[in-house]
């Protein structure tokens, strides 16, 4: 149900047919339906928050789906932005032209982070199945806060797919808003997956932008 790059597109929750990706070892076929049916899937998650410190990357193992899904964190790392890039991301007067250029500039930073985690996975004899990239939010107007609403993330996922040679899933916020949500679909589900098996009350506090 989210946009998937590398010459394959996922729409309405339907897993598409095979696509091709160029890698250092040549061209290989990737069928997302095969990945979906694997007992264990290995993925890299990428995130850049409003503190603009850098790209947070996590390598995780995923088993099952829906209510039976289980995750295991294998490795994680923060890839810091330069001070110049951080200041430009925090510029409240960011022009459309600058945002357009930074979309690809951040895409390269995200790709570097993903590739570093792919290399780490290879050291553990793990083949990464896909990358999930949230991008960096530069504007977010959820439904109900204004007559008009929308959301905009930069960190071009097509560039990540091209440079790393793996499928990339993105556009989580706009897909959620298109379905009537507030544009924050990941945290509630992740919290439920991580904590619902505990036999005691749990409070989760999301502290962002610090």
N, C-alpha and C. Protein backbone atom coordinates (compact mmCIF):
# COMPACT_ATOMS: atom_id res chain seq x y z
N UNK A 1 0.81 -1.20 0.00
CA UNK A 1 0.00 0.00 0.00
C UNK A 1 0.85 1.26 0.00
N UNK A 2 2.18 1.11 -0.02
CA UNK A 2 3.08 2.25 -0.10
C UNK A 2 3.89 2.17 -1.37
N UNK A 3 4.44 3.30 -1.77
CA UNK A 3 5.23 3.33 -2.99
C UNK A 3 6.50 2.52 -2.80
N UNK A 4 6.79 1.66 -3.75
CA UNK A 4 7.99 0.84 -3.71
C UNK A 4 8.80 1.09 -4.96
N UNK A 5 10.06 1.48 -4.79
CA UNK A 5 10.90 1.81 -5.93
C UNK A 5 11.73 0.62 -6.37
N UNK A 6 12.51 0.82 -7.39
CA UNK A 6 13.35 -0.16 -8.05
C UNK A 6 12.57 -0.89 -9.14
N UNK A 7 11.83 -0.10 -9.91
CA UNK A 7 11.12 -0.60 -11.07
C UNK A 7 9.97 -1.53 -10.70
N UNK A 8 9.53 -1.49 -9.45
CA UNK A 8 8.34 -2.22 -9.04
C UNK A 8 7.48 -1.27 -8.21
N UNK A 9 6.18 -1.36 -8.34
CA UNK A 9 5.29 -0.44 -7.65
C UNK A 9 4.25 -1.23 -6.88
N UNK A 10 4.08 -0.90 -5.59
CA UNK A 10 3.05 -1.53 -4.78
C UNK A 10 1.88 -0.57 -4.64
N UNK A 11 0.69 -1.01 -4.97
CA UNK A 11 -0.49 -0.17 -4.83
C UNK A 11 -1.61 -0.97 -4.20
N UNK A 12 -2.36 -0.31 -3.29
CA UNK A 12 -3.53 -0.91 -2.66
C UNK A 12 -3.24 -2.23 -1.97
N UNK A 13 -2.01 -2.40 -1.47
CA UNK A 13 -1.67 -3.59 -0.71
C UNK A 13 -1.40 -4.81 -1.55
N UNK A 14 -1.36 -4.68 -2.88
CA UNK A 14 -1.12 -5.82 -3.76
C UNK A 14 0.36 -5.90 -4.08
N UNK A 15 0.96 -7.04 -3.83
CA UNK A 15 2.36 -7.21 -4.14
C UNK A 15 2.54 -7.43 -5.63
N UNK A 16 3.41 -6.64 -6.30
CA UNK A 16 3.52 -6.70 -7.74
C UNK A 16 4.45 -7.81 -8.22
N UNK A 17 4.59 -7.87 -9.52
CA UNK A 17 5.46 -8.88 -10.12
C UNK A 17 6.90 -8.43 -10.03
N UNK A 18 7.79 -9.28 -10.54
CA UNK A 18 9.22 -9.06 -10.36
C UNK A 18 9.70 -7.81 -11.05
N UNK A 19 10.77 -7.23 -10.49
CA UNK A 19 11.44 -6.09 -11.10
C UNK A 19 12.92 -6.37 -11.17
N UNK A 20 13.65 -5.44 -11.75
CA UNK A 20 15.09 -5.61 -11.89
C UNK A 20 15.81 -4.51 -11.14
N UNK A 21 16.94 -4.85 -10.55
CA UNK A 21 17.77 -3.87 -9.86
C UNK A 21 19.22 -4.07 -10.27
N UNK A 22 19.91 -2.95 -10.48
CA UNK A 22 21.34 -3.02 -10.80
C UNK A 22 22.12 -2.98 -9.50
N UNK A 23 23.00 -3.93 -9.30
CA UNK A 23 23.85 -3.99 -8.12
C UNK A 23 25.29 -4.11 -8.57
N UNK A 24 26.19 -4.10 -7.58
CA UNK A 24 27.61 -4.23 -7.89
C UNK A 24 27.91 -5.57 -8.54
N UNK A 25 27.06 -6.57 -8.27
CA UNK A 25 27.28 -7.90 -8.82
C UNK A 25 26.56 -8.11 -10.15
N UNK A 26 25.88 -7.07 -10.63
CA UNK A 26 25.15 -7.18 -11.88
C UNK A 26 23.67 -6.95 -11.65
N UNK A 27 22.85 -7.41 -12.58
CA UNK A 27 21.41 -7.22 -12.49
C UNK A 27 20.75 -8.45 -11.88
N UNK A 28 19.91 -8.25 -10.86
CA UNK A 28 19.22 -9.38 -10.26
C UNK A 28 17.72 -9.10 -10.20
N UNK A 29 16.94 -10.16 -10.25
CA UNK A 29 15.49 -10.05 -10.22
C UNK A 29 15.00 -10.01 -8.78
N UNK A 30 14.03 -9.14 -8.50
CA UNK A 30 13.44 -9.06 -7.18
C UNK A 30 11.94 -9.16 -7.30
N UNK A 31 11.36 -10.19 -6.72
CA UNK A 31 9.92 -10.39 -6.72
C UNK A 31 9.42 -10.14 -5.30
N UNK A 32 8.66 -9.09 -5.11
CA UNK A 32 8.21 -8.74 -3.77
C UNK A 32 7.28 -9.79 -3.18
N UNK A 33 6.63 -10.57 -4.03
CA UNK A 33 5.78 -11.64 -3.51
C UNK A 33 6.62 -12.73 -2.88
N UNK A 34 7.81 -12.96 -3.42
CA UNK A 34 8.72 -13.94 -2.82
C UNK A 34 9.18 -13.45 -1.45
N UNK A 35 9.51 -12.16 -1.37
CA UNK A 35 9.93 -11.58 -0.09
C UNK A 35 8.80 -11.69 0.92
N UNK A 36 7.58 -11.43 0.49
CA UNK A 36 6.43 -11.48 1.39
C UNK A 36 6.24 -12.87 2.00
N UNK A 37 6.57 -13.91 1.24
CA UNK A 37 6.32 -15.29 1.67
C UNK A 37 7.48 -15.88 2.49
N UNK A 38 8.59 -15.15 2.60
CA UNK A 38 9.72 -15.66 3.35
C UNK A 38 9.38 -15.76 4.84
N UNK A 39 9.93 -16.77 5.49
CA UNK A 39 9.69 -16.95 6.92
C UNK A 39 10.27 -15.79 7.71
N UNK A 40 11.44 -15.34 7.32
CA UNK A 40 12.09 -14.20 7.96
C UNK A 40 12.54 -13.22 6.89
N UNK A 41 12.24 -11.96 7.11
CA UNK A 41 12.64 -10.91 6.17
C UNK A 41 13.56 -9.93 6.90
N UNK A 42 14.58 -9.48 6.21
CA UNK A 42 15.53 -8.55 6.81
C UNK A 42 15.39 -7.20 6.13
N UNK A 43 15.20 -6.18 6.92
CA UNK A 43 14.94 -4.86 6.36
C UNK A 43 15.76 -3.80 7.08
N UNK A 44 15.99 -2.70 6.38
CA UNK A 44 16.67 -1.53 6.95
C UNK A 44 15.66 -0.40 7.00
N UNK A 45 15.47 0.16 8.18
CA UNK A 45 14.59 1.31 8.35
C UNK A 45 15.42 2.58 8.45
N UNK A 46 14.96 3.64 7.75
CA UNK A 46 15.66 4.92 7.75
C UNK A 46 14.72 6.02 8.21
N UNK A 47 15.24 6.90 9.06
CA UNK A 47 14.41 7.97 9.62
C UNK A 47 15.26 9.20 9.88
N UNK A 48 14.69 10.37 9.59
CA UNK A 48 15.33 11.64 9.92
C UNK A 48 14.29 12.51 10.61
N UNK A 49 14.55 12.88 11.87
CA UNK A 49 13.56 13.60 12.65
C UNK A 49 13.74 15.09 12.63
N UNK A 50 12.83 15.78 13.36
CA UNK A 50 12.81 17.24 13.34
C UNK A 50 13.99 17.87 14.08
N UNK A 51 14.75 17.07 14.84
CA UNK A 51 15.96 17.60 15.46
C UNK A 51 17.08 17.78 14.45
N UNK A 52 16.94 17.12 13.29
CA UNK A 52 17.89 17.27 12.18
C UNK A 52 19.31 16.88 12.56
N UNK A 53 19.46 15.89 13.41
CA UNK A 53 20.79 15.45 13.82
C UNK A 53 21.44 14.57 12.75
N UNK A 54 20.64 13.75 12.08
CA UNK A 54 21.19 12.84 11.10
C UNK A 54 20.18 11.78 10.71
N UNK A 55 20.67 10.77 10.01
CA UNK A 55 19.83 9.65 9.58
C UNK A 55 19.98 8.52 10.59
N UNK A 56 18.87 8.12 11.18
CA UNK A 56 18.86 6.94 12.05
C UNK A 56 18.56 5.72 11.19
N UNK A 57 19.41 4.70 11.28
CA UNK A 57 19.25 3.49 10.47
C UNK A 57 19.22 2.28 11.38
N UNK A 58 18.31 1.36 11.11
CA UNK A 58 18.19 0.14 11.90
C UNK A 58 18.06 -1.05 10.97
N UNK A 59 18.80 -2.10 11.28
CA UNK A 59 18.68 -3.39 10.58
C UNK A 59 17.87 -4.30 11.47
N UNK A 60 16.74 -4.80 10.95
CA UNK A 60 15.86 -5.62 11.77
C UNK A 60 15.46 -6.89 11.02
N UNK A 61 15.12 -7.91 11.81
CA UNK A 61 14.54 -9.14 11.27
C UNK A 61 13.05 -9.12 11.56
N UNK A 62 12.25 -9.43 10.55
CA UNK A 62 10.80 -9.43 10.68
C UNK A 62 10.28 -10.83 10.38
N UNK A 63 9.47 -11.37 11.30
CA UNK A 63 8.81 -12.65 11.09
C UNK A 63 7.31 -12.46 11.22
N UNK A 64 6.56 -13.14 10.35
CA UNK A 64 5.11 -13.06 10.42
C UNK A 64 4.57 -11.77 9.84
N UNK A 65 3.27 -11.54 10.06
CA UNK A 65 2.62 -10.33 9.57
C UNK A 65 1.40 -10.05 10.42
N UNK A 66 0.90 -8.82 10.37
CA UNK A 66 -0.29 -8.48 11.14
C UNK A 66 -0.10 -8.71 12.63
N UNK A 67 -1.06 -9.41 13.26
CA UNK A 67 -1.01 -9.64 14.71
C UNK A 67 0.10 -10.59 15.12
N UNK A 68 0.59 -11.40 14.18
CA UNK A 68 1.62 -12.39 14.52
C UNK A 68 3.03 -11.87 14.26
N UNK A 69 3.15 -10.62 13.79
CA UNK A 69 4.46 -10.10 13.43
C UNK A 69 5.36 -9.97 14.66
N UNK A 70 6.62 -10.35 14.47
CA UNK A 70 7.63 -10.20 15.53
C UNK A 70 8.88 -9.59 14.93
N UNK A 71 9.51 -8.67 15.65
CA UNK A 71 10.70 -7.98 15.15
C UNK A 71 11.87 -8.20 16.10
N UNK A 72 13.06 -8.24 15.52
CA UNK A 72 14.28 -8.31 16.31
C UNK A 72 15.27 -7.28 15.77
N UNK A 73 15.76 -6.42 16.63
CA UNK A 73 16.76 -5.43 16.26
C UNK A 73 18.12 -6.10 16.19
N UNK A 74 18.77 -5.99 15.03
CA UNK A 74 20.09 -6.60 14.84
C UNK A 74 21.20 -5.57 15.01
N UNK A 75 21.00 -4.38 14.42
CA UNK A 75 22.02 -3.33 14.51
C UNK A 75 21.36 -1.98 14.25
N UNK A 76 21.95 -0.94 14.79
CA UNK A 76 21.44 0.40 14.51
C UNK A 76 22.58 1.40 14.63
N UNK A 77 22.42 2.53 13.94
CA UNK A 77 23.45 3.55 13.95
C UNK A 77 22.85 4.87 13.50
N UNK A 78 23.39 5.97 14.01
CA UNK A 78 23.02 7.31 13.55
C UNK A 78 24.14 7.87 12.70
N UNK A 79 23.79 8.34 11.52
CA UNK A 79 24.76 8.92 10.59
C UNK A 79 24.53 10.44 10.61
N UNK A 80 25.41 11.13 11.29
CA UNK A 80 25.21 12.56 11.57
C UNK A 80 25.29 13.42 10.32
N UNK A 81 24.45 14.45 10.31
CA UNK A 81 24.52 15.46 9.26
C UNK A 81 25.65 16.44 9.56
N UNK A 82 26.17 17.08 8.52
CA UNK A 82 27.09 18.18 8.75
C UNK A 82 26.32 19.36 9.33
N UNK A 83 27.02 20.27 9.98
CA UNK A 83 26.36 21.43 10.57
C UNK A 83 25.68 22.26 9.49
N UNK A 84 26.32 22.36 8.31
CA UNK A 84 25.73 23.14 7.23
C UNK A 84 24.40 22.55 6.76
N UNK A 85 24.34 21.23 6.60
CA UNK A 85 23.11 20.58 6.17
C UNK A 85 22.04 20.73 7.25
N UNK A 86 22.42 20.56 8.51
CA UNK A 86 21.46 20.70 9.60
C UNK A 86 20.85 22.10 9.60
N UNK A 87 21.67 23.12 9.45
CA UNK A 87 21.17 24.50 9.45
C UNK A 87 20.23 24.75 8.28
N UNK A 88 20.53 24.17 7.12
CA UNK A 88 19.64 24.35 5.97
C UNK A 88 18.31 23.63 6.18
N UNK A 89 18.33 22.47 6.83
CA UNK A 89 17.08 21.76 7.11
C UNK A 89 16.22 22.53 8.12
N UNK A 90 16.86 23.25 9.03
CA UNK A 90 16.13 24.00 10.04
C UNK A 90 15.70 25.38 9.57
N UNK A 91 16.08 25.76 8.36
CA UNK A 91 15.74 27.09 7.82
C UNK A 91 14.24 27.18 7.57
N UNK A 92 13.57 28.04 8.33
CA UNK A 92 12.11 28.17 8.17
C UNK A 92 11.72 28.87 6.87
N UNK A 93 12.69 29.44 6.17
CA UNK A 93 12.41 30.10 4.90
C UNK A 93 12.92 29.27 3.72
N UNK A 94 12.92 27.97 3.86
CA UNK A 94 13.38 27.06 2.81
C UNK A 94 12.54 27.26 1.55
N UNK A 95 13.20 27.57 0.44
CA UNK A 95 12.49 27.80 -0.82
C UNK A 95 12.16 26.48 -1.50
N UNK A 96 11.23 26.52 -2.44
CA UNK A 96 10.87 25.32 -3.19
C UNK A 96 12.08 24.79 -3.97
N UNK A 97 12.86 25.70 -4.53
CA UNK A 97 14.05 25.28 -5.28
C UNK A 97 15.05 24.58 -4.37
N UNK A 98 15.26 25.14 -3.17
CA UNK A 98 16.19 24.52 -2.23
C UNK A 98 15.67 23.17 -1.76
N UNK A 99 14.36 23.08 -1.51
CA UNK A 99 13.78 21.81 -1.07
C UNK A 99 13.91 20.76 -2.17
N UNK A 100 13.76 21.18 -3.42
CA UNK A 100 13.90 20.26 -4.55
C UNK A 100 15.32 19.70 -4.61
N UNK A 101 16.31 20.57 -4.45
CA UNK A 101 17.70 20.12 -4.50
C UNK A 101 18.05 19.26 -3.29
N UNK A 102 17.52 19.64 -2.13
CA UNK A 102 17.82 18.89 -0.91
C UNK A 102 17.14 17.52 -0.91
N UNK A 103 16.08 17.37 -1.68
CA UNK A 103 15.43 16.07 -1.81
C UNK A 103 16.43 15.03 -2.29
N UNK A 104 17.23 15.40 -3.29
CA UNK A 104 18.23 14.46 -3.82
C UNK A 104 19.49 14.44 -2.95
N UNK A 105 19.85 15.57 -2.38
CA UNK A 105 21.01 15.59 -1.48
C UNK A 105 20.78 14.68 -0.28
N UNK A 106 19.60 14.77 0.31
CA UNK A 106 19.27 13.89 1.42
C UNK A 106 19.12 12.45 0.97
N UNK A 107 18.62 12.26 -0.26
CA UNK A 107 18.53 10.91 -0.79
C UNK A 107 19.89 10.23 -0.81
N UNK A 108 20.92 10.99 -1.16
CA UNK A 108 22.28 10.44 -1.16
C UNK A 108 22.73 10.10 0.26
N UNK A 109 22.39 10.96 1.23
CA UNK A 109 22.77 10.68 2.62
C UNK A 109 22.03 9.43 3.13
N UNK A 110 20.77 9.32 2.78
CA UNK A 110 20.00 8.14 3.17
C UNK A 110 20.58 6.89 2.53
N UNK A 111 20.98 7.00 1.26
CA UNK A 111 21.56 5.85 0.56
C UNK A 111 22.87 5.43 1.19
N UNK A 112 23.68 6.39 1.61
CA UNK A 112 24.94 6.08 2.27
C UNK A 112 24.69 5.33 3.58
N UNK A 113 23.68 5.78 4.33
CA UNK A 113 23.35 5.10 5.58
C UNK A 113 22.85 3.69 5.31
N UNK A 114 21.98 3.56 4.31
CA UNK A 114 21.46 2.23 3.96
C UNK A 114 22.57 1.30 3.51
N UNK A 115 23.49 1.82 2.70
CA UNK A 115 24.57 0.98 2.20
C UNK A 115 25.49 0.54 3.33
N UNK A 116 25.73 1.42 4.29
CA UNK A 116 26.55 1.04 5.44
C UNK A 116 25.91 -0.09 6.22
N UNK A 117 24.58 -0.05 6.35
CA UNK A 117 23.88 -1.12 7.06
C UNK A 117 23.83 -2.40 6.23
N UNK A 118 23.74 -2.26 4.91
CA UNK A 118 23.79 -3.43 4.03
C UNK A 118 25.14 -4.12 4.17
N UNK A 119 26.21 -3.33 4.21
CA UNK A 119 27.55 -3.89 4.38
C UNK A 119 27.67 -4.60 5.73
N UNK A 120 27.10 -4.01 6.77
CA UNK A 120 27.13 -4.65 8.09
C UNK A 120 26.34 -5.95 8.07
N UNK A 121 25.21 -5.96 7.36
CA UNK A 121 24.41 -7.18 7.25
C UNK A 121 25.20 -8.29 6.57
N UNK A 122 25.95 -7.94 5.53
CA UNK A 122 26.75 -8.94 4.82
C UNK A 122 27.80 -9.56 5.74
N UNK A 123 28.32 -8.78 6.67
CA UNK A 123 29.28 -9.32 7.62
C UNK A 123 28.65 -10.41 8.48
N UNK A 124 27.33 -10.30 8.67
CA UNK A 124 26.59 -11.31 9.45
C UNK A 124 25.94 -12.35 8.54
N UNK A 125 26.33 -12.36 7.25
CA UNK A 125 25.79 -13.27 6.24
C UNK A 125 24.27 -13.10 6.15
N UNK A 126 23.83 -11.85 6.11
CA UNK A 126 22.41 -11.52 5.99
C UNK A 126 22.20 -10.78 4.67
N UNK A 127 21.21 -11.19 3.91
CA UNK A 127 20.83 -10.48 2.69
C UNK A 127 19.63 -9.59 3.00
N UNK A 128 19.79 -8.30 2.78
CA UNK A 128 18.72 -7.34 3.05
C UNK A 128 17.66 -7.46 1.96
N UNK A 129 16.40 -7.60 2.38
CA UNK A 129 15.30 -7.78 1.43
C UNK A 129 14.76 -6.45 0.91
N UNK A 130 14.72 -5.44 1.78
CA UNK A 130 14.20 -4.14 1.34
C UNK A 130 14.61 -3.06 2.34
N UNK A 131 14.46 -1.82 1.90
CA UNK A 131 14.69 -0.65 2.75
C UNK A 131 13.36 0.07 2.91
N UNK A 132 13.06 0.53 4.11
CA UNK A 132 11.88 1.34 4.38
C UNK A 132 12.35 2.73 4.81
N UNK A 133 12.00 3.74 4.03
CA UNK A 133 12.50 5.09 4.30
C UNK A 133 11.34 6.05 4.55
N UNK A 134 11.34 6.63 5.74
CA UNK A 134 10.32 7.61 6.10
C UNK A 134 10.59 8.95 5.43
N UNK A 135 11.86 9.24 5.16
CA UNK A 135 12.22 10.55 4.64
C UNK A 135 12.31 11.58 5.77
N UNK A 136 12.50 12.83 5.38
CA UNK A 136 12.60 13.94 6.33
C UNK A 136 11.43 14.89 6.08
N UNK A 137 10.59 15.08 7.07
CA UNK A 137 9.41 15.92 6.91
C UNK A 137 9.79 17.40 6.96
N UNK A 138 9.45 18.11 5.89
CA UNK A 138 9.69 19.56 5.86
C UNK A 138 8.41 20.35 6.06
N UNK A 139 7.25 19.69 5.89
CA UNK A 139 5.96 20.34 6.14
C UNK A 139 4.92 19.26 6.41
N UNK A 140 4.09 19.50 7.42
CA UNK A 140 3.04 18.53 7.73
C UNK A 140 1.82 19.27 8.26
N UNK A 141 0.71 19.18 7.53
CA UNK A 141 -0.56 19.81 7.91
C UNK A 141 -1.60 18.70 7.96
N UNK A 142 -1.84 18.10 9.13
CA UNK A 142 -2.77 16.97 9.21
C UNK A 142 -4.21 17.40 9.00
N UNK A 143 -5.07 16.49 8.59
CA UNK A 143 -6.49 16.81 8.42
C UNK A 143 -7.09 17.33 9.72
N UNK A 144 -7.93 18.35 9.59
CA UNK A 144 -8.58 18.92 10.77
C UNK A 144 -7.90 20.14 11.32
N UNK A 145 -6.61 20.32 11.01
CA UNK A 145 -5.89 21.48 11.51
C UNK A 145 -6.09 22.70 10.62
N UNK A 146 -6.58 22.47 9.39
CA UNK A 146 -6.79 23.55 8.44
C UNK A 146 -7.77 23.06 7.40
N UNK A 147 -8.34 23.99 6.65
CA UNK A 147 -9.26 23.59 5.59
C UNK A 147 -8.55 22.76 4.53
N UNK A 148 -7.28 23.08 4.30
CA UNK A 148 -6.46 22.33 3.37
C UNK A 148 -5.36 21.61 4.15
N UNK A 149 -5.03 20.41 3.73
CA UNK A 149 -4.03 19.64 4.46
C UNK A 149 -3.07 18.98 3.48
N UNK A 150 -1.94 18.52 4.00
CA UNK A 150 -0.95 17.87 3.16
C UNK A 150 0.30 17.56 3.98
N UNK A 151 1.23 16.88 3.34
CA UNK A 151 2.49 16.54 4.00
C UNK A 151 3.57 16.43 2.95
N UNK A 152 4.80 16.77 3.30
CA UNK A 152 5.89 16.74 2.34
C UNK A 152 7.16 16.22 3.01
N UNK A 153 7.70 15.14 2.46
CA UNK A 153 8.97 14.57 2.93
C UNK A 153 10.01 14.63 1.81
N UNK A 154 11.26 14.86 2.18
CA UNK A 154 12.36 14.84 1.22
C UNK A 154 13.35 13.76 1.63
N UNK A 155 14.23 13.41 0.68
CA UNK A 155 15.13 12.28 0.86
C UNK A 155 14.74 11.23 -0.16
N UNK A 156 14.95 11.55 -1.42
CA UNK A 156 14.38 10.85 -2.57
C UNK A 156 14.61 9.33 -2.52
N UNK A 157 13.51 8.59 -2.37
CA UNK A 157 13.61 7.14 -2.22
C UNK A 157 14.01 6.44 -3.52
N UNK A 158 13.67 7.02 -4.66
CA UNK A 158 14.10 6.43 -5.93
C UNK A 158 15.62 6.43 -6.04
N UNK A 159 16.25 7.45 -5.48
CA UNK A 159 17.71 7.53 -5.50
C UNK A 159 18.32 6.48 -4.58
N UNK A 160 17.70 6.25 -3.43
CA UNK A 160 18.18 5.20 -2.52
C UNK A 160 18.14 3.85 -3.22
N UNK A 161 17.02 3.57 -3.91
CA UNK A 161 16.88 2.30 -4.62
C UNK A 161 17.93 2.15 -5.72
N UNK A 162 18.17 3.21 -6.45
CA UNK A 162 19.13 3.17 -7.55
C UNK A 162 20.54 2.94 -7.05
N UNK A 163 20.91 3.60 -5.96
CA UNK A 163 22.28 3.52 -5.46
C UNK A 163 22.55 2.24 -4.67
N UNK A 164 21.51 1.71 -4.02
CA UNK A 164 21.71 0.53 -3.15
C UNK A 164 21.28 -0.77 -3.80
N UNK A 165 20.45 -0.71 -4.84
CA UNK A 165 20.05 -1.93 -5.54
C UNK A 165 19.11 -2.83 -4.78
N UNK A 166 18.26 -2.25 -3.92
CA UNK A 166 17.25 -3.03 -3.20
C UNK A 166 15.92 -2.28 -3.29
N UNK A 167 14.79 -2.99 -3.13
CA UNK A 167 13.49 -2.30 -3.11
C UNK A 167 13.42 -1.30 -1.97
N UNK A 168 12.79 -0.17 -2.20
CA UNK A 168 12.63 0.86 -1.18
C UNK A 168 11.15 1.19 -1.03
N UNK A 169 10.65 1.09 0.19
CA UNK A 169 9.27 1.43 0.49
C UNK A 169 9.25 2.80 1.16
N UNK A 170 8.35 3.67 0.70
CA UNK A 170 8.35 5.04 1.23
C UNK A 170 6.92 5.59 1.21
N UNK A 171 6.81 6.92 1.43
CA UNK A 171 5.51 7.62 1.39
C UNK A 171 4.53 7.11 2.44
N UNK A 172 5.01 6.83 3.63
CA UNK A 172 4.14 6.35 4.70
C UNK A 172 3.14 7.42 5.14
N UNK A 173 3.61 8.65 5.34
CA UNK A 173 2.71 9.72 5.79
C UNK A 173 1.61 10.01 4.76
N UNK A 174 1.96 10.32 3.49
CA UNK A 174 0.88 10.64 2.54
C UNK A 174 -0.07 9.48 2.30
N UNK A 175 0.43 8.23 2.36
CA UNK A 175 -0.47 7.10 2.15
C UNK A 175 -1.49 7.01 3.28
N UNK A 176 -1.04 7.26 4.51
CA UNK A 176 -1.94 7.23 5.66
C UNK A 176 -2.97 8.35 5.56
N UNK A 177 -2.53 9.54 5.16
CA UNK A 177 -3.45 10.67 5.05
C UNK A 177 -4.45 10.47 3.91
N UNK A 178 -4.00 9.84 2.84
CA UNK A 178 -4.91 9.56 1.72
C UNK A 178 -6.04 8.63 2.16
N UNK A 179 -5.76 7.80 3.17
CA UNK A 179 -6.77 6.86 3.68
C UNK A 179 -7.55 7.44 4.86
N UNK A 180 -7.35 8.73 5.15
CA UNK A 180 -8.11 9.39 6.21
C UNK A 180 -7.39 9.50 7.53
N UNK A 181 -6.11 9.11 7.59
CA UNK A 181 -5.36 9.20 8.84
C UNK A 181 -4.72 10.56 9.05
N UNK A 182 -3.97 10.66 10.15
CA UNK A 182 -3.30 11.91 10.50
C UNK A 182 -1.88 11.99 9.97
N UNK A 183 -1.44 10.94 9.27
CA UNK A 183 -0.09 10.96 8.70
C UNK A 183 0.98 10.46 9.65
N UNK A 184 0.58 9.66 10.64
CA UNK A 184 1.55 9.07 11.57
C UNK A 184 1.19 7.61 11.80
N UNK A 185 1.33 6.78 10.77
CA UNK A 185 0.82 5.40 10.85
C UNK A 185 1.75 4.39 11.52
N UNK A 186 3.01 4.74 11.72
CA UNK A 186 4.00 3.72 12.09
C UNK A 186 4.10 3.49 13.59
N UNK A 187 4.16 4.56 14.38
CA UNK A 187 4.44 4.42 15.81
C UNK A 187 3.38 3.60 16.55
N UNK A 188 2.08 3.84 16.35
CA UNK A 188 1.09 3.03 17.10
C UNK A 188 1.23 1.54 16.83
N UNK A 189 1.42 1.17 15.59
CA UNK A 189 1.54 -0.25 15.26
C UNK A 189 2.84 -0.82 15.83
N UNK A 190 3.93 -0.08 15.69
CA UNK A 190 5.22 -0.55 16.23
C UNK A 190 5.15 -0.71 17.74
N UNK A 191 4.53 0.25 18.43
CA UNK A 191 4.40 0.14 19.88
C UNK A 191 3.59 -1.10 20.25
N UNK A 192 2.52 -1.35 19.52
CA UNK A 192 1.68 -2.52 19.81
C UNK A 192 2.46 -3.80 19.57
N UNK A 193 3.21 -3.88 18.47
CA UNK A 193 3.99 -5.08 18.17
C UNK A 193 5.03 -5.33 19.26
N UNK A 194 5.69 -4.26 19.71
CA UNK A 194 6.79 -4.40 20.66
C UNK A 194 6.31 -4.69 22.08
N UNK A 195 5.14 -4.18 22.46
CA UNK A 195 4.77 -4.21 23.87
C UNK A 195 3.49 -4.95 24.21
N UNK A 196 2.71 -5.41 23.22
CA UNK A 196 1.40 -5.96 23.57
C UNK A 196 1.49 -7.30 24.29
N UNK A 197 2.63 -7.98 24.21
CA UNK A 197 2.77 -9.27 24.88
C UNK A 197 3.14 -9.14 26.36
N UNK A 198 3.52 -7.94 26.78
CA UNK A 198 3.88 -7.74 28.18
C UNK A 198 2.63 -7.80 29.05
N UNK A 199 2.75 -8.40 30.21
CA UNK A 199 1.60 -8.62 31.08
C UNK A 199 1.51 -7.53 32.15
N UNK A 200 1.77 -6.30 31.75
CA UNK A 200 1.62 -5.17 32.66
C UNK A 200 1.33 -3.93 31.84
N UNK A 201 0.72 -2.91 32.45
CA UNK A 201 0.43 -1.67 31.70
C UNK A 201 1.71 -0.99 31.23
N UNK A 202 1.66 -0.45 30.03
CA UNK A 202 2.81 0.23 29.44
C UNK A 202 2.37 1.61 28.94
N UNK A 203 3.16 2.62 29.25
CA UNK A 203 2.95 3.96 28.70
C UNK A 203 4.07 4.30 27.77
N UNK A 204 3.74 4.71 26.55
CA UNK A 204 4.75 5.09 25.55
C UNK A 204 4.67 6.58 25.32
N UNK A 205 5.77 7.29 25.47
CA UNK A 205 5.84 8.72 25.28
C UNK A 205 6.75 9.04 24.11
N UNK A 206 6.22 9.70 23.12
CA UNK A 206 6.99 10.08 21.94
C UNK A 206 7.54 11.49 22.13
N UNK A 207 8.84 11.60 22.35
CA UNK A 207 9.49 12.90 22.53
C UNK A 207 10.25 13.22 21.26
N UNK A 208 9.73 14.10 20.45
CA UNK A 208 10.36 14.42 19.16
C UNK A 208 10.99 15.81 19.17
N UNK A 209 11.92 16.00 18.26
CA UNK A 209 12.48 17.32 18.04
C UNK A 209 13.45 17.78 19.11
N UNK A 210 13.99 16.84 19.89
CA UNK A 210 14.92 17.23 20.96
C UNK A 210 16.32 16.72 20.60
